[in-house]
Amino acid sequence: MSESESQSRTVRFKGERPPWKAGESSEWEIRTVARRTANADETATCVVTGETVPLNEPHFFVTSIRPTPGRFQPEEFDHAIVAFEGGLEELERQLEDNDSA
């Protein structure tokens, strides 16, 4: 995957409100979407499909951020796992559904 593909993936979702944060503050927004693998025999649950994702296989690591009101308070960060196969397409569908609601 080229650097331009990686940048376009982040640009595609940057600034969007993560659907898995819908019940929380509306200030959360997606900051980056990175393709990753890990050297661990662990699994995580995909936040958009609910599938179990082995972390030692390709997946997407999505960073969300929420600004804090005070200038001396650091921004809050949250991370989520999105399945490599079909995960970004499902995320895009959920974001479109949220926009039309």
PDB file of N, CA and C in Angstrom:
ATOM      1  N   MET A   1       0.850  -1.168   0.000  1.00  0.00           N
ATOM      2  CA  MET A   1       0.000   0.000   0.000  1.00  0.00           C
ATOM      3  C   MET A   1       0.897   1.232   0.000  1.00  0.00           C
ATOM      4  N   SER A   2       0.665   2.111  -0.918  1.00  0.00           N
ATOM      5  CA  SER A   2       1.518   3.280  -1.056  1.00  0.00           C
ATOM      6  C   SER A   2       1.172   4.348  -0.023  1.00  0.00           C
ATOM      7  N   GLU A   3       2.080   5.304   0.123  1.00  0.00           N
ATOM      8  CA  GLU A   3       1.860   6.387   1.069  1.00  0.00           C
ATOM      9  C   GLU A   3       0.639   7.214   0.680  1.00  0.00           C
ATOM     10  N   SER A   4       0.414   7.407  -0.627  1.00  0.00           N
ATOM     11  CA  SER A   4      -0.743   8.192  -1.063  1.00  0.00           C
ATOM     12  C   SER A   4      -2.049   7.476  -0.739  1.00  0.00           C
ATOM     13  N   GLU A   5      -2.081   6.126  -0.831  1.00  0.00           N
ATOM     14  CA  GLU A   5      -3.281   5.384  -0.461  1.00  0.00           C
ATOM     15  C   GLU A   5      -3.558   5.537   1.025  1.00  0.00           C
ATOM     16  N   SER A   6      -2.508   5.500   1.831  1.00  0.00           N
ATOM     17  CA  SER A   6      -2.648   5.660   3.273  1.00  0.00           C
ATOM     18  C   SER A   6      -3.167   7.054   3.605  1.00  0.00           C
ATOM     19  N   GLN A   7      -2.618   8.070   2.967  1.00  0.00           N
ATOM     20  CA  GLN A   7      -3.061   9.439   3.212  1.00  0.00           C
ATOM     21  C   GLN A   7      -4.514   9.628   2.781  1.00  0.00           C
ATOM     22  N   SER A   8      -4.887   9.060   1.642  1.00  0.00           N
ATOM     23  CA  SER A   8      -6.259   9.243   1.175  1.00  0.00           C
ATOM     24  C   SER A   8      -7.244   8.539   2.101  1.00  0.00           C
ATOM     25  N   ARG A   9      -6.841   7.426   2.726  1.00  0.00           N
ATOM     26  CA  ARG A   9      -7.701   6.731   3.675  1.00  0.00           C
ATOM     27  C   ARG A   9      -7.959   7.624   4.882  1.00  0.00           C
ATOM     28  N   THR A  10      -6.925   8.243   5.408  1.00  0.00           N
ATOM     29  CA  THR A  10      -7.094   9.141   6.546  1.00  0.00           C
ATOM     30  C   THR A  10      -7.918  10.361   6.152  1.00  0.00           C
ATOM     31  N   VAL A  11      -7.640  10.931   4.998  1.00  0.00           N
ATOM     32  CA  VAL A  11      -8.384  12.099   4.532  1.00  0.00           C
ATOM     33  C   VAL A  11      -9.864  11.754   4.364  1.00  0.00           C
ATOM     34  N   ARG A  12     -10.147  10.549   3.908  1.00  0.00           N
ATOM     35  CA  ARG A  12     -11.528  10.106   3.683  1.00  0.00           C
ATOM     36  C   ARG A  12     -12.358  10.137   4.965  1.00  0.00           C
ATOM     37  N   PHE A  13     -11.747   9.835   6.104  1.00  0.00           N
ATOM     38  CA  PHE A  13     -12.485   9.731   7.360  1.00  0.00           C
ATOM     39  C   PHE A  13     -12.177  10.833   8.375  1.00  0.00           C
ATOM     40  N   LYS A  14     -11.112  11.593   8.156  1.00  0.00           N
ATOM     41  CA  LYS A  14     -10.690  12.602   9.140  1.00  0.00           C
ATOM     42  C   LYS A  14     -11.808  13.619   9.385  1.00  0.00           C
ATOM     43  N   GLY A  15     -12.040  13.886  10.668  1.00  0.00           N
ATOM     44  CA  GLY A  15     -13.051  14.864  11.052  1.00  0.00           C
ATOM     45  C   GLY A  15     -14.442  14.289  11.231  1.00  0.00           C
ATOM     46  N   GLU A  16     -14.642  13.048  10.799  1.00  0.00           N
ATOM     47  CA  GLU A  16     -15.951  12.402  10.945  1.00  0.00           C
ATOM     48  C   GLU A  16     -16.168  11.996  12.397  1.00  0.00           C
ATOM     49  N   ARG A  17     -17.410  11.967  12.812  1.00  0.00           N
ATOM     50  CA  ARG A  17     -17.747  11.528  14.171  1.00  0.00           C
ATOM     51  C   ARG A  17     -17.824  10.012  14.198  1.00  0.00           C
ATOM     52  N   PRO A  18     -17.020   9.345  15.023  1.00  0.00           N
ATOM     53  CA  PRO A  18     -17.019   7.882  15.045  1.00  0.00           C
ATOM     54  C   PRO A  18     -18.364   7.328  15.516  1.00  0.00           C
ATOM     55  N   PRO A  19     -18.971   6.417  14.741  1.00  0.00           N
ATOM     56  CA  PRO A  19     -20.276   5.866  15.119  1.00  0.00           C
ATOM     57  C   PRO A  19     -20.254   5.145  16.458  1.00  0.00           C
ATOM     58  N   TRP A  20     -19.117   4.557  16.835  1.00  0.00           N
ATOM     59  CA  TRP A  20     -19.034   3.839  18.112  1.00  0.00           C
ATOM     60  C   TRP A  20     -18.979   4.798  19.296  1.00  0.00           C
ATOM     61  N   LYS A  21     -18.890   6.085  19.044  1.00  0.00           N
ATOM     62  CA  LYS A  21     -18.908   7.100  20.093  1.00  0.00           C
ATOM     63  C   LYS A  21     -20.244   7.855  20.107  1.00  0.00           C
ATOM     64  N   ALA A  22     -21.248   7.340  19.420  1.00  0.00           N
ATOM     65  CA  ALA A  22     -22.526   8.040  19.254  1.00  0.00           C
ATOM     66  C   ALA A  22     -23.196   8.383  20.574  1.00  0.00           C
ATOM     67  N   GLY A  23     -23.073   7.539  21.582  1.00  0.00           N
ATOM     68  CA  GLY A  23     -23.702   7.804  22.868  1.00  0.00           C
ATOM     69  C   GLY A  23     -22.930   8.767  23.738  1.00  0.00           C
ATOM     70  N   GLU A  24     -21.757   9.152  23.304  1.00  0.00           N
ATOM     71  CA  GLU A  24     -20.901  10.046  24.089  1.00  0.00           C
ATOM     72  C   GLU A  24     -20.928  11.453  23.500  1.00  0.00           C
ATOM     73  N   SER A  25     -20.048  12.272  23.945  1.00  0.00           N
ATOM     74  CA  SER A  25     -19.945  13.646  23.482  1.00  0.00           C
ATOM     75  C   SER A  25     -19.796  13.706  21.958  1.00  0.00           C
ATOM     76  N   SER A  26     -20.435  14.671  21.361  1.00  0.00           N
ATOM     77  CA  SER A  26     -20.348  14.825  19.914  1.00  0.00           C
ATOM     78  C   SER A  26     -19.031  15.452  19.480  1.00  0.00           C
ATOM     79  N   GLU A  27     -18.170  15.748  20.426  1.00  0.00           N
ATOM     80  CA  GLU A  27     -16.899  16.378  20.088  1.00  0.00           C
ATOM     81  C   GLU A  27     -15.859  15.395  19.575  1.00  0.00           C
ATOM     82  N   TRP A  28     -16.102  14.083  19.701  1.00  0.00           N
ATOM     83  CA  TRP A  28     -15.144  13.090  19.208  1.00  0.00           C
ATOM     84  C   TRP A  28     -15.089  13.153  17.690  1.00  0.00           C
ATOM     85  N   GLU A  29     -13.886  13.044  17.140  1.00  0.00           N
ATOM     86  CA  GLU A  29     -13.733  12.965  15.680  1.00  0.00           C
ATOM     87  C   GLU A  29     -12.576  12.044  15.340  1.00  0.00           C
ATOM     88  N   ILE A  30     -12.686  11.426  14.183  1.00  0.00           N
ATOM     89  CA  ILE A  30     -11.630  10.537  13.707  1.00  0.00           C
ATOM     90  C   ILE A  30     -10.438  11.384  13.287  1.00  0.00           C
ATOM     91  N   ARG A  31      -9.253  10.995  13.739  1.00  0.00           N
ATOM     92  CA  ARG A  31      -8.037  11.733  13.405  1.00  0.00           C
ATOM     93  C   ARG A  31      -7.201  10.987  12.363  1.00  0.00           C
ATOM     94  N   THR A  32      -6.945   9.674  12.580  1.00  0.00           N
ATOM     95  CA  THR A  32      -6.140   8.905  11.638  1.00  0.00           C
ATOM     96  C   THR A  32      -6.712   7.504  11.464  1.00  0.00           C
ATOM     97  N   VAL A  33      -6.413   6.923  10.308  1.00  0.00           N
ATOM     98  CA  VAL A  33      -6.755   5.527  10.006  1.00  0.00           C
ATOM     99  C   VAL A  33      -5.491   4.890   9.448  1.00  0.00           C
ATOM    100  N   ALA A  34      -4.917   3.956  10.209  1.00  0.00           N
ATOM    101  CA  ALA A  34      -3.653   3.337   9.821  1.00  0.00           C
ATOM    102  C   ALA A  34      -3.820   1.828   9.669  1.00  0.00           C
ATOM    103  N   ARG A  35      -3.191   1.275   8.645  1.00  0.00           N
ATOM    104  CA  ARG A  35      -3.175  -0.179   8.474  1.00  0.00           C
ATOM    105  C   ARG A  35      -2.083  -0.727   9.375  1.00  0.00           C
ATOM    106  N   ARG A  36      -2.426  -1.773  10.147  1.00  0.00           N
ATOM    107  CA  ARG A  36      -1.468  -2.305  11.116  1.00  0.00           C
ATOM    108  C   ARG A  36      -1.509  -3.815  11.194  1.00  0.00           C
ATOM    109  N   THR A  37      -0.457  -4.364  11.755  1.00  0.00           N
ATOM    110  CA  THR A  37      -0.406  -5.738  12.261  1.00  0.00           C
ATOM    111  C   THR A  37       0.372  -5.654  13.561  1.00  0.00           C
ATOM    112  N   ALA A  38       0.213  -6.646  14.419  1.00  0.00           N
ATOM    113  CA  ALA A  38       0.923  -6.652  15.696  1.00  0.00           C
ATOM    114  C   ALA A  38       1.609  -7.995  15.877  1.00  0.00           C
ATOM    115  N   ASN A  39       2.672  -8.006  16.636  1.00  0.00           N
ATOM    116  CA  ASN A  39       3.380  -9.248  16.956  1.00  0.00           C
ATOM    117  C   ASN A  39       2.804  -9.845  18.232  1.00  0.00           C
ATOM    118  N   ALA A  40       1.520 -10.113  18.214  1.00  0.00           N
ATOM    119  CA  ALA A  40       0.857 -10.665  19.397  1.00  0.00           C
ATOM    120  C   ALA A  40      -0.251 -11.602  18.946  1.00  0.00           C
ATOM    121  N   ASP A  41      -0.409 -12.680  19.657  1.00  0.00           N
ATOM    122  CA  ASP A  41      -1.489 -13.608  19.354  1.00  0.00           C
ATOM    123  C   ASP A  41      -2.740 -13.214  20.129  1.00  0.00           C
ATOM    124  N   GLU A  42      -3.149 -11.985  19.964  1.00  0.00           N
ATOM    125  CA  GLU A  42      -4.330 -11.462  20.628  1.00  0.00           C
ATOM    126  C   GLU A  42      -5.386 -11.136  19.593  1.00  0.00           C
ATOM    127  N   THR A  43      -6.600 -10.961  20.065  1.00  0.00           N
ATOM    128  CA  THR A  43      -7.693 -10.562  19.184  1.00  0.00           C
ATOM    129  C   THR A  43      -8.371  -9.329  19.758  1.00  0.00           C
ATOM    130  N   ALA A  44      -9.106  -8.652  18.909  1.00  0.00           N
ATOM    131  CA  ALA A  44      -9.911  -7.506  19.325  1.00  0.00           C
ATOM    132  C   ALA A  44     -11.219  -7.581  18.539  1.00  0.00           C
ATOM    133  N   THR A  45     -12.191  -6.847  18.984  1.00  0.00           N
ATOM    134  CA  THR A  45     -13.472  -6.813  18.293  1.00  0.00           C
ATOM    135  C   THR A  45     -13.533  -5.579  17.410  1.00  0.00           C
ATOM    136  N   CYS A  46     -13.903  -5.785  16.157  1.00  0.00           N
ATOM    137  CA  CYS A  46     -14.060  -4.673  15.216  1.00  0.00           C
ATOM    138  C   CYS A  46     -15.239  -3.812  15.681  1.00  0.00           C
ATOM    139  N   VAL A  47     -15.019  -2.508  15.791  1.00  0.00           N
ATOM    140  CA  VAL A  47     -16.049  -1.619  16.315  1.00  0.00           C
ATOM    141  C   VAL A  47     -17.211  -1.392  15.350  1.00  0.00           C
ATOM    142  N   VAL A  48     -17.036  -1.710  14.074  1.00  0.00           N
ATOM    143  CA  VAL A  48     -18.129  -1.480  13.126  1.00  0.00           C
ATOM    144  C   VAL A  48     -18.824  -2.757  12.666  1.00  0.00           C
ATOM    145  N   THR A  49     -18.122  -3.891  12.665  1.00  0.00           N
ATOM    146  CA  THR A  49     -18.745  -5.131  12.214  1.00  0.00           C
ATOM    147  C   THR A  49     -19.024  -6.112  13.338  1.00  0.00           C
ATOM    148  N   GLY A  50     -18.336  -5.950  14.466  1.00  0.00           N
ATOM    149  CA  GLY A  50     -18.487  -6.872  15.588  1.00  0.00           C
ATOM    150  C   GLY A  50     -17.690  -8.154  15.429  1.00  0.00           C
ATOM    151  N   GLU A  51     -16.942  -8.283  14.334  1.00  0.00           N
ATOM    152  CA  GLU A  51     -16.118  -9.470  14.087  1.00  0.00           C
ATOM    153  C   GLU A  51     -14.925  -9.506  15.037  1.00  0.00           C
ATOM    154  N   THR A  52     -14.447 -10.704  15.306  1.00  0.00           N
ATOM    155  CA  THR A  52     -13.203 -10.872  16.049  1.00  0.00           C
ATOM    156  C   THR A  52     -12.055 -10.729  15.057  1.00  0.00           C
ATOM    157  N   VAL A  53     -11.119  -9.858  15.377  1.00  0.00           N
ATOM    158  CA  VAL A  53     -10.005  -9.544  14.481  1.00  0.00           C
ATOM    159  C   VAL A  53      -8.705  -9.994  15.135  1.00  0.00           C
ATOM    160  N   PRO A  54      -7.977 -10.955  14.512  1.00  0.00           N
ATOM    161  CA  PRO A  54      -6.650 -11.315  15.028  1.00  0.00           C
ATOM    162  C   PRO A  54      -5.684 -10.149  14.795  1.00  0.00           C
ATOM    163  N   LEU A  55      -5.031  -9.688  15.835  1.00  0.00           N
ATOM    164  CA  LEU A  55      -4.159  -8.518  15.703  1.00  0.00           C
ATOM    165  C   LEU A  55      -2.862  -8.816  14.978  1.00  0.00           C
ATOM    166  N   ASN A  56      -2.522 -10.114  14.808  1.00  0.00           N
ATOM    167  CA  ASN A  56      -1.315 -10.444  14.058  1.00  0.00           C
ATOM    168  C   ASN A  56      -1.593 -10.535  12.556  1.00  0.00           C
ATOM    169  N   GLU A  57      -2.807 -10.186  12.142  1.00  0.00           N
ATOM    170  CA  GLU A  57      -3.168 -10.084  10.728  1.00  0.00           C
ATOM    171  C   GLU A  57      -3.498  -8.620  10.418  1.00  0.00           C
ATOM    172  N   PRO A  58      -3.464  -8.228   9.136  1.00  0.00           N
ATOM    173  CA  PRO A  58      -3.751  -6.824   8.811  1.00  0.00           C
ATOM    174  C   PRO A  58      -5.127  -6.389   9.318  1.00  0.00           C
ATOM    175  N   HIS A  59      -5.163  -5.179   9.856  1.00  0.00           N
ATOM    176  CA  HIS A  59      -6.393  -4.552  10.329  1.00  0.00           C
ATOM    177  C   HIS A  59      -6.153  -3.042  10.307  1.00  0.00           C
ATOM    178  N   PHE A  60      -7.187  -2.273  10.588  1.00  0.00           N
ATOM    179  CA  PHE A  60      -7.036  -0.821  10.644  1.00  0.00           C
ATOM    180  C   PHE A  60      -7.127  -0.361  12.090  1.00  0.00           C
ATOM    181  N   PHE A  61      -6.255   0.560  12.449  1.00  0.00           N
ATOM    182  CA  PHE A  61      -6.165   1.137  13.789  1.00  0.00           C
ATOM    183  C   PHE A  61      -6.643   2.579  13.658  1.00  0.00           C
ATOM    184  N   VAL A  62      -7.799   2.876  14.225  1.00  0.00           N
ATOM    185  CA  VAL A  62      -8.423   4.189  14.071  1.00  0.00           C
ATOM    186  C   VAL A  62      -8.233   4.982  15.360  1.00  0.00           C
ATOM    187  N   THR A  63      -7.670   6.160  15.230  1.00  0.00           N
ATOM    188  CA  THR A  63      -7.476   7.044  16.368  1.00  0.00           C
ATOM    189  C   THR A  63      -8.540   8.131  16.331  1.00  0.00           C
ATOM    190  N   SER A  64      -9.238   8.284  17.450  1.00  0.00           N
ATOM    191  CA  SER A  64     -10.223   9.359  17.599  1.00  0.00           C
ATOM    192  C   SER A  64      -9.701  10.331  18.647  1.00  0.00           C
ATOM    193  N   ILE A  65     -10.109  11.574  18.525  1.00  0.00           N
ATOM    194  CA  ILE A  65      -9.637  12.610  19.437  1.00  0.00           C
ATOM    195  C   ILE A  65     -10.813  13.469  19.874  1.00  0.00           C
ATOM    196  N   ARG A  66     -10.728  13.966  21.102  1.00  0.00           N
ATOM    197  CA  ARG A  66     -11.724  14.914  21.609  1.00  0.00           C
ATOM    198  C   ARG A  66     -10.968  16.054  22.272  1.00  0.00           C
ATOM    199  N   PRO A  67     -11.164  17.268  21.782  1.00  0.00           N
ATOM    200  CA  PRO A  67     -10.498  18.415  22.400  1.00  0.00           C
ATOM    201  C   PRO A  67     -11.010  18.626  23.823  1.00  0.00           C
ATOM    202  N   THR A  68     -10.177  19.174  24.670  1.00  0.00           N
ATOM    203  CA  THR A  68     -10.597  19.498  26.028  1.00  0.00           C
ATOM    204  C   THR A  68     -10.747  21.010  26.140  1.00  0.00           C
ATOM    205  N   PRO A  69     -11.582  21.462  27.072  1.00  0.00           N
ATOM    206  CA  PRO A  69     -11.879  22.897  27.146  1.00  0.00           C
ATOM    207  C   PRO A  69     -10.712  23.767  27.624  1.00  0.00           C
ATOM    208  N   GLY A  70      -9.862  23.224  28.460  1.00  0.00           N
ATOM    209  CA  GLY A  70      -8.768  24.042  28.998  1.00  0.00           C
ATOM    210  C   GLY A  70      -7.504  23.914  28.187  1.00  0.00           C
ATOM    211  N   ARG A  71      -6.774  24.970  28.099  1.00  0.00           N
ATOM    212  CA  ARG A  71      -5.553  24.911  27.299  1.00  0.00           C
ATOM    213  C   ARG A  71      -4.448  24.126  27.982  1.00  0.00           C
ATOM    214  N   PHE A  72      -4.585  23.877  29.291  1.00  0.00           N
ATOM    215  CA  PHE A  72      -3.576  23.105  30.000  1.00  0.00           C
ATOM    216  C   PHE A  72      -3.955  21.635  30.135  1.00  0.00           C
ATOM    217  N   GLN A  73      -5.093  21.269  29.586  1.00  0.00           N
ATOM    218  CA  GLN A  73      -5.522  19.866  29.598  1.00  0.00           C
ATOM    219  C   GLN A  73      -5.213  19.262  28.240  1.00  0.00           C
ATOM    220  N   PRO A  74      -4.553  18.122  28.212  1.00  0.00           N
ATOM    221  CA  PRO A  74      -4.274  17.493  26.909  1.00  0.00           C
ATOM    222  C   PRO A  74      -5.549  16.942  26.286  1.00  0.00           C
ATOM    223  N   GLU A  75      -5.546  16.874  24.971  1.00  0.00           N
ATOM    224  CA  GLU A  75      -6.692  16.294  24.262  1.00  0.00           C
ATOM    225  C   GLU A  75      -6.832  14.832  24.660  1.00  0.00           C
ATOM    226  N   GLU A  76      -8.053  14.320  24.602  1.00  0.00           N
ATOM    227  CA  GLU A  76      -8.299  12.919  24.899  1.00  0.00           C
ATOM    228  C   GLU A  76      -8.203  12.119  23.608  1.00  0.00           C
ATOM    229  N   PHE A  77      -7.605  10.934  23.693  1.00  0.00           N
ATOM    230  CA  PHE A  77      -7.469  10.054  22.547  1.00  0.00           C
ATOM    231  C   PHE A  77      -8.148   8.724  22.842  1.00  0.00           C
ATOM    232  N   ASP A  78      -8.654   8.097  21.809  1.00  0.00           N
ATOM    233  CA  ASP A  78      -9.221   6.763  21.914  1.00  0.00           C
ATOM    234  C   ASP A  78      -8.821   6.011  20.649  1.00  0.00           C
ATOM    235  N   HIS A  79      -8.661   4.701  20.783  1.00  0.00           N
ATOM    236  CA  HIS A  79      -8.267   3.888  19.638  1.00  0.00           C
ATOM    237  C   HIS A  79      -9.272   2.772  19.442  1.00  0.00           C
ATOM    238  N   ALA A  80      -9.485   2.400  18.194  1.00  0.00           N
ATOM    239  CA  ALA A  80     -10.418   1.326  17.876  1.00  0.00           C
ATOM    240  C   ALA A  80      -9.836   0.484  16.750  1.00  0.00           C
ATOM    241  N   ILE A  81     -10.248  -0.766  16.715  1.00  0.00           N
ATOM    242  CA  ILE A  81      -9.821  -1.696  15.670  1.00  0.00           C
ATOM    243  C   ILE A  81     -10.958  -1.852  14.666  1.00  0.00           C
ATOM    244  N   VAL A  82     -10.605  -1.786  13.376  1.00  0.00           N
ATOM    245  CA  VAL A  82     -11.565  -1.997  12.292  1.00  0.00           C
ATOM    246  C   VAL A  82     -11.022  -3.120  11.421  1.00  0.00           C
ATOM    247  N   ALA A  83     -11.883  -4.069  11.098  1.00  0.00           N
ATOM    248  CA  ALA A  83     -11.482  -5.230  10.293  1.00  0.00           C
ATOM    249  C   ALA A  83     -10.931  -4.792   8.938  1.00  0.00           C
ATOM    250  N   PHE A  84      -9.923  -5.523   8.472  1.00  0.00           N
ATOM    251  CA  PHE A  84      -9.295  -5.220   7.182  1.00  0.00           C
ATOM    252  C   PHE A  84     -10.247  -5.520   6.027  1.00  0.00           C
ATOM    253  N   GLU A  85     -10.920  -6.661   6.103  1.00  0.00           N
ATOM    254  CA  GLU A  85     -11.846  -7.064   5.040  1.00  0.00           C
ATOM    255  C   GLU A  85     -13.235  -6.491   5.311  1.00  0.00           C
ATOM    256  N   GLY A  86     -13.608  -5.475   4.576  1.00  0.00           N
ATOM    257  CA  GLY A  86     -14.951  -4.921   4.662  1.00  0.00           C
ATOM    258  C   GLY A  86     -15.182  -3.923   5.774  1.00  0.00           C
ATOM    259  N   GLY A  87     -14.237  -3.723   6.663  1.00  0.00           N
ATOM    260  CA  GLY A  87     -14.421  -2.821   7.799  1.00  0.00           C
ATOM    261  C   GLY A  87     -14.559  -1.361   7.407  1.00  0.00           C
ATOM    262  N   LEU A  88     -13.700  -0.883   6.503  1.00  0.00           N
ATOM    263  CA  LEU A  88     -13.777   0.520   6.112  1.00  0.00           C
ATOM    264  C   LEU A  88     -15.043   0.807   5.316  1.00  0.00           C
ATOM    265  N   GLU A  89     -15.468  -0.151   4.506  1.00  0.00           N
ATOM    266  CA  GLU A  89     -16.706   0.025   3.742  1.00  0.00           C
ATOM    267  C   GLU A  89     -17.899   0.124   4.689  1.00  0.00           C
ATOM    268  N   GLU A  90     -17.915  -0.705   5.734  1.00  0.00           N
ATOM    269  CA  GLU A  90     -18.987  -0.654   6.719  1.00  0.00           C
ATOM    270  C   GLU A  90     -18.933   0.659   7.504  1.00  0.00           C
ATOM    271  N   LEU A  91     -17.743   1.115   7.844  1.00  0.00           N
ATOM    272  CA  LEU A  91     -17.598   2.393   8.536  1.00  0.00           C
ATOM    273  C   LEU A  91     -18.150   3.521   7.669  1.00  0.00           C
ATOM    274  N   GLU A  92     -17.821   3.506   6.396  1.00  0.00           N
ATOM    275  CA  GLU A  92     -18.301   4.534   5.484  1.00  0.00           C
ATOM    276  C   GLU A  92     -19.833   4.514   5.392  1.00  0.00           C
ATOM    277  N   ARG A  93     -20.417   3.304   5.341  1.00  0.00           N
ATOM    278  CA  ARG A  93     -21.872   3.168   5.283  1.00  0.00           C
ATOM    279  C   ARG A  93     -22.510   3.731   6.549  1.00  0.00           C
ATOM    280  N   GLN A  94     -21.940   3.427   7.705  1.00  0.00           N
ATOM    281  CA  GLN A  94     -22.482   3.935   8.965  1.00  0.00           C
ATOM    282  C   GLN A  94     -22.382   5.447   9.050  1.00  0.00           C
ATOM    283  N   LEU A  95     -21.301   6.019   8.550  1.00  0.00           N
ATOM    284  CA  LEU A  95     -21.155   7.472   8.552  1.00  0.00           C
ATOM    285  C   LEU A  95     -22.180   8.118   7.631  1.00  0.00           C
ATOM    286  N   GLU A  96     -22.422   7.512   6.471  1.00  0.00           N
ATOM    287  CA  GLU A  96     -23.434   8.033   5.554  1.00  0.00           C
ATOM    288  C   GLU A  96     -24.831   7.952   6.196  1.00  0.00           C
ATOM    289  N   ASP A  97     -25.115   6.849   6.892  1.00  0.00           N
ATOM    290  CA  ASP A  97     -26.403   6.709   7.578  1.00  0.00           C
ATOM    291  C   ASP A  97     -26.558   7.779   8.642  1.00  0.00           C
ATOM    292  N   ASN A  98     -25.486   8.083   9.369  1.00  0.00           N
ATOM    293  CA  ASN A  98     -25.545   9.120  10.402  1.00  0.00           C
ATOM    294  C   ASN A  98     -25.788  10.497   9.797  1.00  0.00           C
ATOM    295  N   ASP A  99     -25.197  10.762   8.631  1.00  0.00           N
ATOM    296  CA  ASP A  99     -25.375  12.059   7.972  1.00  0.00           C
ATOM    297  C   ASP A  99     -26.803  12.239   7.468  1.00  0.00           C
ATOM    298  N   SER A 100     -27.419  11.152   7.028  1.00  0.00           N
ATOM    299  CA  SER A 100     -28.772  11.267   6.473  1.00  0.00           C
ATOM    300  C   SER A 100     -29.844  11.206   7.559  1.00  0.00           C
ATOM    301  N   ALA A 101     -29.448  10.870   8.795  1.00  0.00           N
ATOM    302  CA  ALA A 101     -30.449  10.780   9.889  1.00  0.00           C
ATOM    303  C   ALA A 101     -30.753  12.131  10.486  1.00  0.00           C
TER     304      ALA A 101
END
